[in-house]
Amino acid sequence: MGNICWKHASVQVIECIQQLQQVEKTLELMITKYESQIKEQQTAARRKLHRKNDCMRHVKTIHIIRTHKKNLEDRLTTCINKRYHLESLNVTKMHIEALKTTTKTFQSFLKDNHIETVEKLQEALTDMISDACEINDILSVEMDETVDEIDLEEEYNQLCAEIQLPEAPTNTFPELDMNEFVDEKTPLASEKQSVVI
C-alpha cells in the first residue's frame, strides 16, 4: 500500500517530448540515407542507359525511395508539430499550477477572476488536445505507392538527354594521290630507266 501507480503528468509530458525528439533524429537519419540511395540509383541508371530494362528498374527504385522519403518527411513535420504542441501543453500546465499558487495567496481578491482564468486555460488545453488527435489521424493515413509508367518513361528520356552517348564515325577515308608524296628532286622510276638506257 502507498505505492504510486501513475507517473506525475508533467513527467509523462517530458518523456513524450524526449521520445518525439528521438523519433525526429531517427527520421532525419533515414531521410539522409534515402537521399544517398537515390543518388546511387541515379548513378547506376546512368551507367545502364544502353540497357533500357535495367535502367528502368533503377528509375522505378528511385520513385519508390522518393515516395518513402516524402512519407518520412511528412512524418518528421508531424512529429515536430506534435512536439511543439506538447511543449506548449506543458507550459500551459505549468501556467495553471502557477495560477493555482497565486490564487491561494490572493484568494480574497481574485475569487471571481480565478474561475474565469482557469476556464480559459482549460479551453486552450482542450483545443491543443484536439489538435494532437488530428495529428494522430494524419499519421495513420496510408500512403499511395503506385508508380506511373509515363513518369518512368519521361525520367528515362531525361536521363538519356543528360548524357549524350558517342556516335560511331560514318566518314570514309579519302583516296590518296601518291604523286603528292614524291620528292621533286627524286626522279620517278620511269625517269631512272631512261637515264640508264
C-alpha atoms as a PDB file:
ATOM      1  CA  MET A   1       0.000   0.000   0.000  1.00  0.00           C
ATOM      2  CA  GLY A   2       1.080   3.531  -0.525  1.00  0.00           C
ATOM      3  CA  ASN A   3       2.805   2.772  -3.867  1.00  0.00           C
ATOM      4  CA  ILE A   4       2.329   5.329  -6.611  1.00  0.00           C
ATOM      5  CA  CYS A   5       0.906   3.599  -9.699  1.00  0.00           C
ATOM      6  CA  TRP A   6       0.833   6.571 -12.080  1.00  0.00           C
ATOM      7  CA  LYS A   7       3.634   8.915 -13.012  1.00  0.00           C
ATOM      8  CA  HIS A   8       3.170  12.618 -12.487  1.00  0.00           C
ATOM      9  CA  ALA A   9       1.580  14.257 -15.559  1.00  0.00           C
ATOM     10  CA  SER A  10       4.494  16.645 -16.133  1.00  0.00           C
ATOM     11  CA  VAL A  11       6.933  13.688 -16.137  1.00  0.00           C
ATOM     12  CA  GLN A  12       4.833  11.957 -18.786  1.00  0.00           C
ATOM     13  CA  VAL A  13       4.804  15.070 -20.989  1.00  0.00           C
ATOM     14  CA  ILE A  14       8.576  15.477 -20.696  1.00  0.00           C
ATOM     15  CA  GLU A  15       9.099  11.797 -21.537  1.00  0.00           C
ATOM     16  CA  CYS A  16       6.836  12.177 -24.577  1.00  0.00           C
ATOM     17  CA  ILE A  17       8.811  15.198 -25.744  1.00  0.00           C
ATOM     18  CA  GLN A  18      12.091  13.280 -25.353  1.00  0.00           C
ATOM     19  CA  GLN A  19      10.710  10.295 -27.245  1.00  0.00           C
ATOM     20  CA  LEU A  20       9.499  12.562 -30.054  1.00  0.00           C
ATOM     21  CA  GLN A  21      12.979  14.101 -30.292  1.00  0.00           C
ATOM     22  CA  GLN A  22      14.462  10.613 -30.643  1.00  0.00           C
ATOM     23  CA  VAL A  23      11.929   9.783 -33.360  1.00  0.00           C
ATOM     24  CA  GLU A  24      12.816  13.032 -35.172  1.00  0.00           C
ATOM     25  CA  LYS A  25      16.539  12.143 -35.114  1.00  0.00           C
ATOM     26  CA  THR A  26      15.773   8.669 -36.467  1.00  0.00           C
ATOM     27  CA  LEU A  27      13.587  10.109 -39.234  1.00  0.00           C
ATOM     28  CA  GLU A  28      16.301  12.607 -40.195  1.00  0.00           C
ATOM     29  CA  LEU A  29      18.859   9.787 -40.416  1.00  0.00           C
ATOM     30  CA  MET A  30      16.516   7.723 -42.583  1.00  0.00           C
ATOM     31  CA  ILE A  31      15.812  10.690 -44.882  1.00  0.00           C
ATOM     32  CA  THR A  32      19.567  11.240 -45.301  1.00  0.00           C
ATOM     33  CA  LYS A  33      20.012   7.517 -46.039  1.00  0.00           C
ATOM     34  CA  TYR A  34      17.239   7.605 -48.657  1.00  0.00           C
ATOM     35  CA  GLU A  35      18.807  10.664 -50.316  1.00  0.00           C
ATOM     36  CA  SER A  36      22.126   8.824 -50.682  1.00  0.00           C
ATOM     37  CA  GLN A  37      20.305   5.751 -52.032  1.00  0.00           C
ATOM     38  CA  ILE A  38      18.540   7.907 -54.630  1.00  0.00           C
ATOM     39  CA  LYS A  39      21.929   9.268 -55.774  1.00  0.00           C
ATOM     40  CA  GLU A  40      23.341   5.728 -56.005  1.00  0.00           C
ATOM     41  CA  GLN A  41      20.381   4.548 -58.069  1.00  0.00           C
ATOM     42  CA  GLN A  42      20.668   7.570 -60.390  1.00  0.00           C
ATOM     43  CA  THR A  43      24.358   6.788 -60.955  1.00  0.00           C
ATOM     44  CA  ALA A  44      23.538   3.134 -61.670  1.00  0.00           C
ATOM     45  CA  ALA A  45      20.740   4.169 -64.061  1.00  0.00           C
ATOM     46  CA  ARG A  46      23.098   6.446 -65.993  1.00  0.00           C
ATOM     47  CA  ARG A  47      25.615   3.602 -66.356  1.00  0.00           C
ATOM     48  CA  LYS A  48      22.935   1.323 -67.803  1.00  0.00           C
ATOM     49  CA  LEU A  49      21.302   3.704 -70.280  1.00  0.00           C
ATOM     50  CA  HIS A  50      22.130   1.361 -73.166  1.00  0.00           C
ATOM     51  CA  ARG A  51      20.093  -1.408 -71.421  1.00  0.00           C
ATOM     52  CA  LYS A  52      16.622   0.027 -71.066  1.00  0.00           C
ATOM     53  CA  ASN A  53      15.134  -2.697 -68.824  1.00  0.00           C
ATOM     54  CA  ASP A  54      17.966  -2.409 -66.286  1.00  0.00           C
ATOM     55  CA  CYS A  55      17.817   1.379 -66.382  1.00  0.00           C
ATOM     56  CA  MET A  56      14.038   1.373 -65.905  1.00  0.00           C
ATOM     57  CA  ARG A  57      14.441  -0.908 -62.872  1.00  0.00           C
ATOM     58  CA  HIS A  58      16.712   1.697 -61.258  1.00  0.00           C
ATOM     59  CA  VAL A  59      14.306   4.511 -62.197  1.00  0.00           C
ATOM     60  CA  LYS A  60      11.438   2.577 -60.606  1.00  0.00           C
ATOM     61  CA  THR A  61      13.515   2.058 -57.452  1.00  0.00           C
ATOM     62  CA  ILE A  62      14.193   5.817 -57.375  1.00  0.00           C
ATOM     63  CA  HIS A  63      10.452   6.515 -57.447  1.00  0.00           C
ATOM     64  CA  ILE A  64       9.793   4.031 -54.623  1.00  0.00           C
ATOM     65  CA  ILE A  65      12.539   5.559 -52.458  1.00  0.00           C
ATOM     66  CA  ARG A  66      11.246   9.075 -53.176  1.00  0.00           C
ATOM     67  CA  THR A  67       7.737   8.018 -52.098  1.00  0.00           C
ATOM     68  CA  HIS A  68       9.042   6.652 -48.802  1.00  0.00           C
ATOM     69  CA  LYS A  69      11.320   9.688 -48.329  1.00  0.00           C
ATOM     70  CA  LYS A  70       8.349  12.041 -48.785  1.00  0.00           C
ATOM     71  CA  ASN A  71       6.344   9.962 -46.289  1.00  0.00           C
ATOM     72  CA  LEU A  72       9.187  10.255 -43.771  1.00  0.00           C
ATOM     73  CA  GLU A  73       9.439  13.994 -44.368  1.00  0.00           C
ATOM     74  CA  ASP A  74       5.695  14.319 -43.689  1.00  0.00           C
ATOM     75  CA  ARG A  75       6.070  12.272 -40.507  1.00  0.00           C
ATOM     76  CA  LEU A  76       9.022  14.401 -39.415  1.00  0.00           C
ATOM     77  CA  THR A  77       6.956  17.548 -39.892  1.00  0.00           C
ATOM     78  CA  THR A  78       4.100  15.973 -37.935  1.00  0.00           C
ATOM     79  CA  CYS A  79       6.432  14.909 -35.098  1.00  0.00           C
ATOM     80  CA  ILE A  80       7.927  18.388 -34.864  1.00  0.00           C
ATOM     81  CA  ASN A  81       4.435  19.909 -34.829  1.00  0.00           C
ATOM     82  CA  LYS A  82       3.264  17.435 -32.173  1.00  0.00           C
ATOM     83  CA  ARG A  83       6.352  18.077 -30.028  1.00  0.00           C
ATOM     84  CA  TYR A  84       5.704  21.819 -30.102  1.00  0.00           C
ATOM     85  CA  HIS A  85       2.094  21.164 -29.097  1.00  0.00           C
ATOM     86  CA  LEU A  86       3.263  19.055 -26.161  1.00  0.00           C
ATOM     87  CA  GLU A  87       5.783  21.707 -25.110  1.00  0.00           C
ATOM     88  CA  SER A  88       3.051  24.305 -25.281  1.00  0.00           C
ATOM     89  CA  LEU A  89       0.802  21.948 -23.320  1.00  0.00           C
ATOM     90  CA  ASN A  90       3.455  21.553 -20.634  1.00  0.00           C
ATOM     91  CA  VAL A  91       3.921  25.312 -20.392  1.00  0.00           C
ATOM     92  CA  THR A  92       0.159  25.717 -20.125  1.00  0.00           C
ATOM     93  CA  LYS A  93       0.084  23.155 -17.305  1.00  0.00           C
ATOM     94  CA  MET A  94       2.921  24.988 -15.507  1.00  0.00           C
ATOM     95  CA  HIS A  95       0.986  28.198 -16.029  1.00  0.00           C
ATOM     96  CA  ILE A  96      -2.108  26.626 -14.474  1.00  0.00           C
ATOM     97  CA  GLU A  97      -0.101  25.425 -11.489  1.00  0.00           C
ATOM     98  CA  ALA A  98       1.379  28.899 -11.073  1.00  0.00           C
ATOM     99  CA  LEU A  99      -2.117  30.353 -11.204  1.00  0.00           C
ATOM    100  CA  LYS A 100      -3.261  27.939  -8.501  1.00  0.00           C
ATOM    101  CA  THR A 101      -0.424  29.035  -6.227  1.00  0.00           C
ATOM    102  CA  THR A 102      -1.143  32.673  -6.914  1.00  0.00           C
ATOM    103  CA  THR A 103      -4.844  32.273  -6.238  1.00  0.00           C
ATOM    104  CA  LYS A 104      -4.118  30.795  -2.835  1.00  0.00           C
ATOM    105  CA  THR A 105      -2.218  33.948  -1.947  1.00  0.00           C
ATOM    106  CA  PHE A 106      -4.731  36.370  -3.402  1.00  0.00           C
ATOM    107  CA  GLN A 107      -7.868  34.281  -2.786  1.00  0.00           C
ATOM    108  CA  SER A 108      -9.775  37.085  -1.104  1.00  0.00           C
ATOM    109  CA  PHE A 109      -9.150  39.468  -4.015  1.00  0.00           C
ATOM    110  CA  LEU A 110      -9.451  37.189  -7.055  1.00  0.00           C
ATOM    111  CA  LYS A 111     -12.376  34.879  -6.316  1.00  0.00           C
ATOM    112  CA  ASP A 112     -14.376  35.856  -9.375  1.00  0.00           C
ATOM    113  CA  ASN A 113     -11.485  36.139 -11.833  1.00  0.00           C
ATOM    114  CA  HIS A 114      -9.850  32.885 -10.804  1.00  0.00           C
ATOM    115  CA  ILE A 115     -12.643  30.685 -12.176  1.00  0.00           C
ATOM    116  CA  GLU A 116     -12.746  32.572 -15.475  1.00  0.00           C
ATOM    117  CA  THR A 117      -8.969  32.284 -15.915  1.00  0.00           C
ATOM    118  CA  VAL A 118      -8.940  28.543 -15.283  1.00  0.00           C
ATOM    119  CA  GLU A 119     -11.864  28.072 -17.688  1.00  0.00           C
ATOM    120  CA  LYS A 120      -9.980  29.950 -20.418  1.00  0.00           C
ATOM    121  CA  LEU A 121      -6.872  27.860 -19.812  1.00  0.00           C
ATOM    122  CA  GLN A 122      -8.968  24.682 -19.838  1.00  0.00           C
ATOM    123  CA  GLU A 123     -10.458  25.682 -23.197  1.00  0.00           C
ATOM    124  CA  ALA A 124      -6.959  26.265 -24.593  1.00  0.00           C
ATOM    125  CA  LEU A 125      -5.897  22.872 -23.235  1.00  0.00           C
ATOM    126  CA  THR A 126      -8.888  21.187 -24.898  1.00  0.00           C
ATOM    127  CA  ASP A 127      -8.040  22.818 -28.247  1.00  0.00           C
ATOM    128  CA  MET A 128      -4.450  21.571 -28.011  1.00  0.00           C
ATOM    129  CA  ILE A 129      -5.589  18.025 -27.223  1.00  0.00           C
ATOM    130  CA  SER A 130      -7.939  18.044 -30.224  1.00  0.00           C
ATOM    131  CA  ASP A 131      -5.052  19.253 -32.424  1.00  0.00           C
ATOM    132  CA  ALA A 132      -2.912  16.377 -31.131  1.00  0.00           C
ATOM    133  CA  CYS A 133      -5.704  13.912 -32.002  1.00  0.00           C
ATOM    134  CA  GLU A 134      -5.894  15.330 -35.530  1.00  0.00           C
ATOM    135  CA  ILE A 135      -2.127  14.821 -35.894  1.00  0.00           C
ATOM    136  CA  ASN A 136      -2.541  11.166 -34.862  1.00  0.00           C
ATOM    137  CA  ASP A 137      -5.220  10.784 -37.547  1.00  0.00           C
ATOM    138  CA  ILE A 138      -2.841  12.213 -40.150  1.00  0.00           C
ATOM    139  CA  LEU A 139      -0.131   9.744 -39.107  1.00  0.00           C
ATOM    140  CA  SER A 140      -2.478   6.788 -39.576  1.00  0.00           C
ATOM    141  CA  VAL A 141      -3.232   7.645 -43.243  1.00  0.00           C
ATOM    142  CA  GLU A 142      -1.660   5.097 -45.592  1.00  0.00           C
ATOM    143  CA  MET A 143       0.474   6.354 -48.450  1.00  0.00           C
ATOM    144  CA  ASP A 144      -0.062   5.680 -52.139  1.00  0.00           C
ATOM    145  CA  GLU A 145       2.774   3.581 -53.584  1.00  0.00           C
ATOM    146  CA  THR A 146       1.651   3.429 -57.207  1.00  0.00           C
ATOM    147  CA  VAL A 147       4.176   4.441 -59.846  1.00  0.00           C
ATOM    148  CA  ASP A 148       3.055   5.973 -63.106  1.00  0.00           C
ATOM    149  CA  GLU A 149       4.680   4.281 -66.126  1.00  0.00           C
ATOM    150  CA  ILE A 150       4.522   7.539 -68.121  1.00  0.00           C
ATOM    151  CA  ASP A 151       6.571   9.304 -65.407  1.00  0.00           C
ATOM    152  CA  LEU A 152       9.116   6.470 -65.539  1.00  0.00           C
ATOM    153  CA  GLU A 153       9.412   6.775 -69.309  1.00  0.00           C
ATOM    154  CA  GLU A 154       9.851  10.566 -69.067  1.00  0.00           C
ATOM    155  CA  GLU A 155      12.566  10.223 -66.437  1.00  0.00           C
ATOM    156  CA  TYR A 156      14.354   7.633 -68.589  1.00  0.00           C
ATOM    157  CA  ASN A 157      14.250  10.016 -71.562  1.00  0.00           C
ATOM    158  CA  GLN A 158      15.601  12.840 -69.368  1.00  0.00           C
ATOM    159  CA  LEU A 159      18.491  10.636 -68.275  1.00  0.00           C
ATOM    160  CA  CYS A 160      19.242   9.829 -71.926  1.00  0.00           C
ATOM    161  CA  ALA A 161      19.140  13.546 -72.777  1.00  0.00           C
ATOM    162  CA  GLU A 162      21.554  14.397 -69.935  1.00  0.00           C
ATOM    163  CA  ILE A 163      24.211  12.016 -71.195  1.00  0.00           C
ATOM    164  CA  GLN A 164      24.804  12.050 -74.946  1.00  0.00           C
ATOM    165  CA  LEU A 165      26.298   8.709 -75.977  1.00  0.00           C
ATOM    166  CA  PRO A 166      29.118   8.960 -78.595  1.00  0.00           C
ATOM    167  CA  GLU A 167      28.144   8.170 -82.170  1.00  0.00           C
ATOM    168  CA  ALA A 168      30.203   5.869 -84.392  1.00  0.00           C
ATOM    169  CA  PRO A 169      32.046   7.719 -87.227  1.00  0.00           C
ATOM    170  CA  THR A 170      30.398   7.317 -90.634  1.00  0.00           C
ATOM    171  CA  ASN A 171      33.041   9.085 -92.792  1.00  0.00           C
ATOM    172  CA  THR A 172      35.167   7.040 -95.221  1.00  0.00           C
ATOM    173  CA  PHE A 173      38.823   7.765 -95.760  1.00  0.00           C
ATOM    174  CA  PRO A 174      39.641   9.788 -98.937  1.00  0.00           C
ATOM    175  CA  GLU A 175      41.811   8.220-101.595  1.00  0.00           C
ATOM    176  CA  LEU A 176      45.382   9.482-101.570  1.00  0.00           C
ATOM    177  CA  ASP A 177      47.263  10.681-104.632  1.00  0.00           C
ATOM    178  CA  MET A 178      50.709   9.066-104.453  1.00  0.00           C
ATOM    179  CA  ASN A 179      52.229  11.744-106.748  1.00  0.00           C
ATOM    180  CA  GLU A 180      51.842  14.281-103.947  1.00  0.00           C
ATOM    181  CA  PHE A 181      54.340  12.396-101.808  1.00  0.00           C
ATOM    182  CA  VAL A 182      57.071  12.071-104.466  1.00  0.00           C
ATOM    183  CA  ASP A 183      60.006  14.401-103.899  1.00  0.00           C
ATOM    184  CA  GLU A 184      60.696  16.704-106.853  1.00  0.00           C
ATOM    185  CA  LYS A 185      64.439  16.040-106.621  1.00  0.00           C
ATOM    186  CA  THR A 186      64.000  12.267-106.681  1.00  0.00           C
ATOM    187  CA  PRO A 187      63.427  11.003-110.214  1.00  0.00           C
ATOM    188  CA  LEU A 188      60.485   8.763-110.842  1.00  0.00           C
ATOM    189  CA  ALA A 189      61.029   5.111-111.700  1.00  0.00           C
ATOM    190  CA  SER A 190      60.339   5.774-115.417  1.00  0.00           C
ATOM    191  CA  GLU A 191      62.918   8.566-115.466  1.00  0.00           C
ATOM    192  CA  LYS A 192      65.527   6.301-113.808  1.00  0.00           C
ATOM    193  CA  GLN A 193      65.084   3.723-116.573  1.00  0.00           C
ATOM    194  CA  SER A 194      65.570   6.286-119.329  1.00  0.00           C
ATOM    195  CA  VAL A 195      68.744   7.527-117.697  1.00  0.00           C
ATOM    196  CA  VAL A 196      70.219   4.026-117.522  1.00  0.00           C
ATOM    197  CA  ILE A 197      69.493   3.355-121.192  1.00  0.00           C
END
